[in-house]
C-alpha atoms as a PDB file:
ATOM      1  CA  UNK A   1      31.559  11.908  11.054  1.00  0.00           C
ATOM      2  CA  UNK A   2      31.388   8.873  13.292  1.00  0.00           C
ATOM      3  CA  UNK A   3      31.054  11.212  16.279  1.00  0.00           C
ATOM      4  CA  UNK A   4      27.641  12.566  15.203  1.00  0.00           C
ATOM      5  CA  UNK A   5      25.432   9.981  16.968  1.00  0.00           C
ATOM      6  CA  UNK A   6      27.389  10.387  20.208  1.00  0.00           C
ATOM      7  CA  UNK A   7      27.254  14.185  19.950  1.00  0.00           C
ATOM      8  CA  UNK A   8      23.486  14.134  19.419  1.00  0.00           C
ATOM      9  CA  UNK A   9      22.993  11.630  22.236  1.00  0.00           C
ATOM     10  CA  UNK A  10      24.998  13.670  24.776  1.00  0.00           C
ATOM     11  CA  UNK A  11      23.634  17.096  23.817  1.00  0.00           C
ATOM     12  CA  UNK A  12      20.517  18.664  25.295  1.00  0.00           C
ATOM     13  CA  UNK A  13      20.677  22.399  24.507  1.00  0.00           C
ATOM     14  CA  UNK A  14      21.010  23.729  20.962  1.00  0.00           C
ATOM     15  CA  UNK A  15      21.461  27.427  20.221  1.00  0.00           C
ATOM     16  CA  UNK A  16      20.186  27.966  16.678  1.00  0.00           C
ATOM     17  CA  UNK A  17      21.901  31.007  15.174  1.00  0.00           C
ATOM     18  CA  UNK A  18      19.718  32.585  12.508  1.00  0.00           C
ATOM     19  CA  UNK A  19      16.508  30.914  13.698  1.00  0.00           C
ATOM     20  CA  UNK A  20      13.536  32.697  12.160  1.00  0.00           C
ATOM     21  CA  UNK A  21       9.917  32.740  13.293  1.00  0.00           C
ATOM     22  CA  UNK A  22       8.901  32.390   9.634  1.00  0.00           C
ATOM     23  CA  UNK A  23       7.581  28.855   9.360  1.00  0.00           C
ATOM     24  CA  UNK A  24       8.660  28.472   5.729  1.00  0.00           C
ATOM     25  CA  UNK A  25      12.340  29.014   6.576  1.00  0.00           C
ATOM     26  CA  UNK A  26      14.555  25.912   6.882  1.00  0.00           C
ATOM     27  CA  UNK A  27      15.826  27.083  10.281  1.00  0.00           C
ATOM     28  CA  UNK A  28      12.298  26.987  11.689  1.00  0.00           C
ATOM     29  CA  UNK A  29      11.516  23.487  10.413  1.00  0.00           C
ATOM     30  CA  UNK A  30      14.810  22.072  11.644  1.00  0.00           C
ATOM     31  CA  UNK A  31      14.531  23.696  15.077  1.00  0.00           C
ATOM     32  CA  UNK A  32      10.890  22.612  15.422  1.00  0.00           C
ATOM     33  CA  UNK A  33      11.872  19.001  14.650  1.00  0.00           C
ATOM     34  CA  UNK A  34      14.767  19.039  17.136  1.00  0.00           C
ATOM     35  CA  UNK A  35      12.498  20.560  19.805  1.00  0.00           C
ATOM     36  CA  UNK A  36       9.924  17.795  19.218  1.00  0.00           C
ATOM     37  CA  UNK A  37      12.734  15.279  19.652  1.00  0.00           C
ATOM     38  CA  UNK A  38      13.383  16.624  23.159  1.00  0.00           C
ATOM     39  CA  UNK A  39      16.156  19.167  22.658  1.00  0.00           C
ATOM     40  CA  UNK A  40      15.955  22.593  24.270  1.00  0.00           C
ATOM     41  CA  UNK A  41      16.154  25.124  21.461  1.00  0.00           C
ATOM     42  CA  UNK A  42      17.504  28.610  22.093  1.00  0.00           C
ATOM     43  CA  UNK A  43      16.899  31.046  19.215  1.00  0.00           C
ATOM     44  CA  UNK A  44      19.742  33.445  18.396  1.00  0.00           C
ATOM     45  CA  UNK A  45      18.545  36.235  16.139  1.00  0.00           C
ATOM     46  CA  UNK A  46      18.576  39.977  16.901  1.00  0.00           C
ATOM     47  CA  UNK A  47      15.387  40.397  14.839  1.00  0.00           C
ATOM     48  CA  UNK A  48      13.304  38.007  16.954  1.00  0.00           C
ATOM     49  CA  UNK A  49      11.961  38.158  20.518  1.00  0.00           C
ATOM     50  CA  UNK A  50      10.569  34.625  20.694  1.00  0.00           C
ATOM     51  CA  UNK A  51      10.571  31.568  18.422  1.00  0.00           C
ATOM     52  CA  UNK A  52       8.965  28.180  19.126  1.00  0.00           C
ATOM     53  CA  UNK A  53       7.935  29.419  22.580  1.00  0.00           C
ATOM     54  CA  UNK A  54      11.543  30.214  23.559  1.00  0.00           C
ATOM     55  CA  UNK A  55      13.049  33.626  24.305  1.00  0.00           C
ATOM     56  CA  UNK A  56      15.352  34.743  21.499  1.00  0.00           C
ATOM     57  CA  UNK A  57      18.756  36.288  22.146  1.00  0.00           C
ATOM     58  CA  UNK A  58      20.601  38.771  19.946  1.00  0.00           C
ATOM     59  CA  UNK A  59      23.987  37.040  20.391  1.00  0.00           C
ATOM     60  CA  UNK A  60      25.346  33.739  21.662  1.00  0.00           C
ATOM     61  CA  UNK A  61      27.075  35.636  24.447  1.00  0.00           C
ATOM     62  CA  UNK A  62      23.692  36.830  25.770  1.00  0.00           C
ATOM     63  CA  UNK A  63      22.458  33.293  26.546  1.00  0.00           C
ATOM     64  CA  UNK A  64      22.518  32.787  30.336  1.00  0.00           C
ATOM     65  CA  UNK A  65      22.934  28.998  30.316  1.00  0.00           C
ATOM     66  CA  UNK A  66      25.279  26.341  28.937  1.00  0.00           C
ATOM     67  CA  UNK A  67      24.915  25.505  25.257  1.00  0.00           C
ATOM     68  CA  UNK A  68      25.878  22.078  23.953  1.00  0.00           C
ATOM     69  CA  UNK A  69      25.613  22.716  20.205  1.00  0.00           C
ATOM     70  CA  UNK A  70      25.761  26.011  18.325  1.00  0.00           C
ATOM     71  CA  UNK A  71      23.784  25.274  15.142  1.00  0.00           C
ATOM     72  CA  UNK A  72      24.629  27.850  12.469  1.00  0.00           C
ATOM     73  CA  UNK A  73      22.047  28.931   9.874  1.00  0.00           C
ATOM     74  CA  UNK A  74      24.107  31.861   8.589  1.00  0.00           C
ATOM     75  CA  UNK A  75      26.209  32.328   5.471  1.00  0.00           C
ATOM     76  CA  UNK A  76      29.759  31.024   5.586  1.00  0.00           C
ATOM     77  CA  UNK A  77      31.294  34.501   5.861  1.00  0.00           C
ATOM     78  CA  UNK A  78      29.709  34.883   9.323  1.00  0.00           C
ATOM     79  CA  UNK A  79      31.008  31.574  10.703  1.00  0.00           C
ATOM     80  CA  UNK A  80      34.417  32.763  11.971  1.00  0.00           C
ATOM     81  CA  UNK A  81      32.895  35.323  14.349  1.00  0.00           C
ATOM     82  CA  UNK A  82      30.289  32.810  15.533  1.00  0.00           C
ATOM     83  CA  UNK A  83      32.950  30.207  16.229  1.00  0.00           C
ATOM     84  CA  UNK A  84      34.830  32.802  18.298  1.00  0.00           C
ATOM     85  CA  UNK A  85      31.649  33.409  20.327  1.00  0.00           C
ATOM     86  CA  UNK A  86      31.036  29.669  20.722  1.00  0.00           C
ATOM     87  CA  UNK A  87      34.579  29.165  22.021  1.00  0.00           C
ATOM     88  CA  UNK A  88      34.315  32.094  24.468  1.00  0.00           C
ATOM     89  CA  UNK A  89      31.045  30.858  25.909  1.00  0.00           C
ATOM     90  CA  UNK A  90      32.249  27.272  26.317  1.00  0.00           C
ATOM     91  CA  UNK A  91      29.955  25.504  23.868  1.00  0.00           C
ATOM     92  CA  UNK A  92      30.652  21.816  23.295  1.00  0.00           C
ATOM     93  CA  UNK A  93      30.161  21.805  19.523  1.00  0.00           C
ATOM     94  CA  UNK A  94      29.653  23.913  16.418  1.00  0.00           C
ATOM     95  CA  UNK A  95      27.318  22.583  13.739  1.00  0.00           C
ATOM     96  CA  UNK A  96      27.299  24.273  10.328  1.00  0.00           C
ATOM     97  CA  UNK A  97      24.173  23.499   8.333  1.00  0.00           C
ATOM     98  CA  UNK A  98      24.198  22.324   4.704  1.00  0.00           C
ATOM     99  CA  UNK A  99      25.999  24.786   2.466  1.00  0.00           C
ATOM    100  CA  UNK A 100      27.806  26.440   5.388  1.00  0.00           C
ATOM    101  CA  UNK A 101      31.560  25.829   5.178  1.00  0.00           C
ATOM    102  CA  UNK A 102      34.552  27.529   6.794  1.00  0.00           C
ATOM    103  CA  UNK A 103      37.548  25.211   7.110  1.00  0.00           C
ATOM    104  CA  UNK A 104      39.675  27.759   8.968  1.00  0.00           C
ATOM    105  CA  UNK A 105      36.977  28.437  11.573  1.00  0.00           C
ATOM    106  CA  UNK A 106      36.352  24.694  11.909  1.00  0.00           C
ATOM    107  CA  UNK A 107      40.035  24.090  12.621  1.00  0.00           C
ATOM    108  CA  UNK A 108      40.043  26.882  15.206  1.00  0.00           C
ATOM    109  CA  UNK A 109      37.011  25.320  16.925  1.00  0.00           C
ATOM    110  CA  UNK A 110      38.641  21.880  16.953  1.00  0.00           C
ATOM    111  CA  UNK A 111      41.854  23.353  18.382  1.00  0.00           C
ATOM    112  CA  UNK A 112      39.773  24.858  21.194  1.00  0.00           C
ATOM    113  CA  UNK A 113      38.275  21.423  21.948  1.00  0.00           C
ATOM    114  CA  UNK A 114      34.882  21.808  20.277  1.00  0.00           C
ATOM    115  CA  UNK A 115      33.353  19.078  18.146  1.00  0.00           C
ATOM    116  CA  UNK A 116      32.708  20.328  14.610  1.00  0.00           C
ATOM    117  CA  UNK A 117      30.146  19.225  12.030  1.00  0.00           C
ATOM    118  CA  UNK A 118      30.190  21.099   8.739  1.00  0.00           C
ATOM    119  CA  UNK A 119      27.913  21.191   5.695  1.00  0.00           C
ATOM    120  CA  UNK A 120      25.374  18.768   7.193  1.00  0.00           C
ATOM    121  CA  UNK A 121      21.774  19.122   8.316  1.00  0.00           C
ATOM    122  CA  UNK A 122      21.245  18.315  11.991  1.00  0.00           C
ATOM    123  CA  UNK A 123      17.654  17.170  11.279  1.00  0.00           C
ATOM    124  CA  UNK A 124      18.773  14.738   8.570  1.00  0.00           C
ATOM    125  CA  UNK A 125      21.584  13.398  10.732  1.00  0.00           C
ATOM    126  CA  UNK A 126      19.306  12.974  13.753  1.00  0.00           C
ATOM    127  CA  UNK A 127      16.702  11.258  11.614  1.00  0.00           C
ATOM    128  CA  UNK A 128      19.327   8.955  10.093  1.00  0.00           C
ATOM    129  CA  UNK A 129      20.612   7.729  13.451  1.00  0.00           C
ATOM    130  CA  UNK A 130      17.542   7.871  15.694  1.00  0.00           C
ATOM    131  CA  UNK A 131      14.443   7.233  13.549  1.00  0.00           C
END
């Protein structure tokens, strides 16, 4: 995972799939931290209209701008379809949060040229390298 600091340094826009407006949810705390650290956060959740002051989108494919990192806060069984979307939209990386693992989808993302981080918390990794 030596590429993590470089990935975080070069990235500016993070689409957070599964981001909830409920402040007690891990997705909210992580996204709020990353936003405070200067990243543009784009919520992806069909059940939300706005989170952290940003317009929410139902799907990755609905986002009208480039996304550097697709940060996945969904169960592992949903990862394959999300990786397909991330590849189609030209994302630079797929980040699967702690507990989210799909080796086959990760390999597909790598084969398409995306950086992949799996089963790690983006907040913890950012804090480790930049705090």
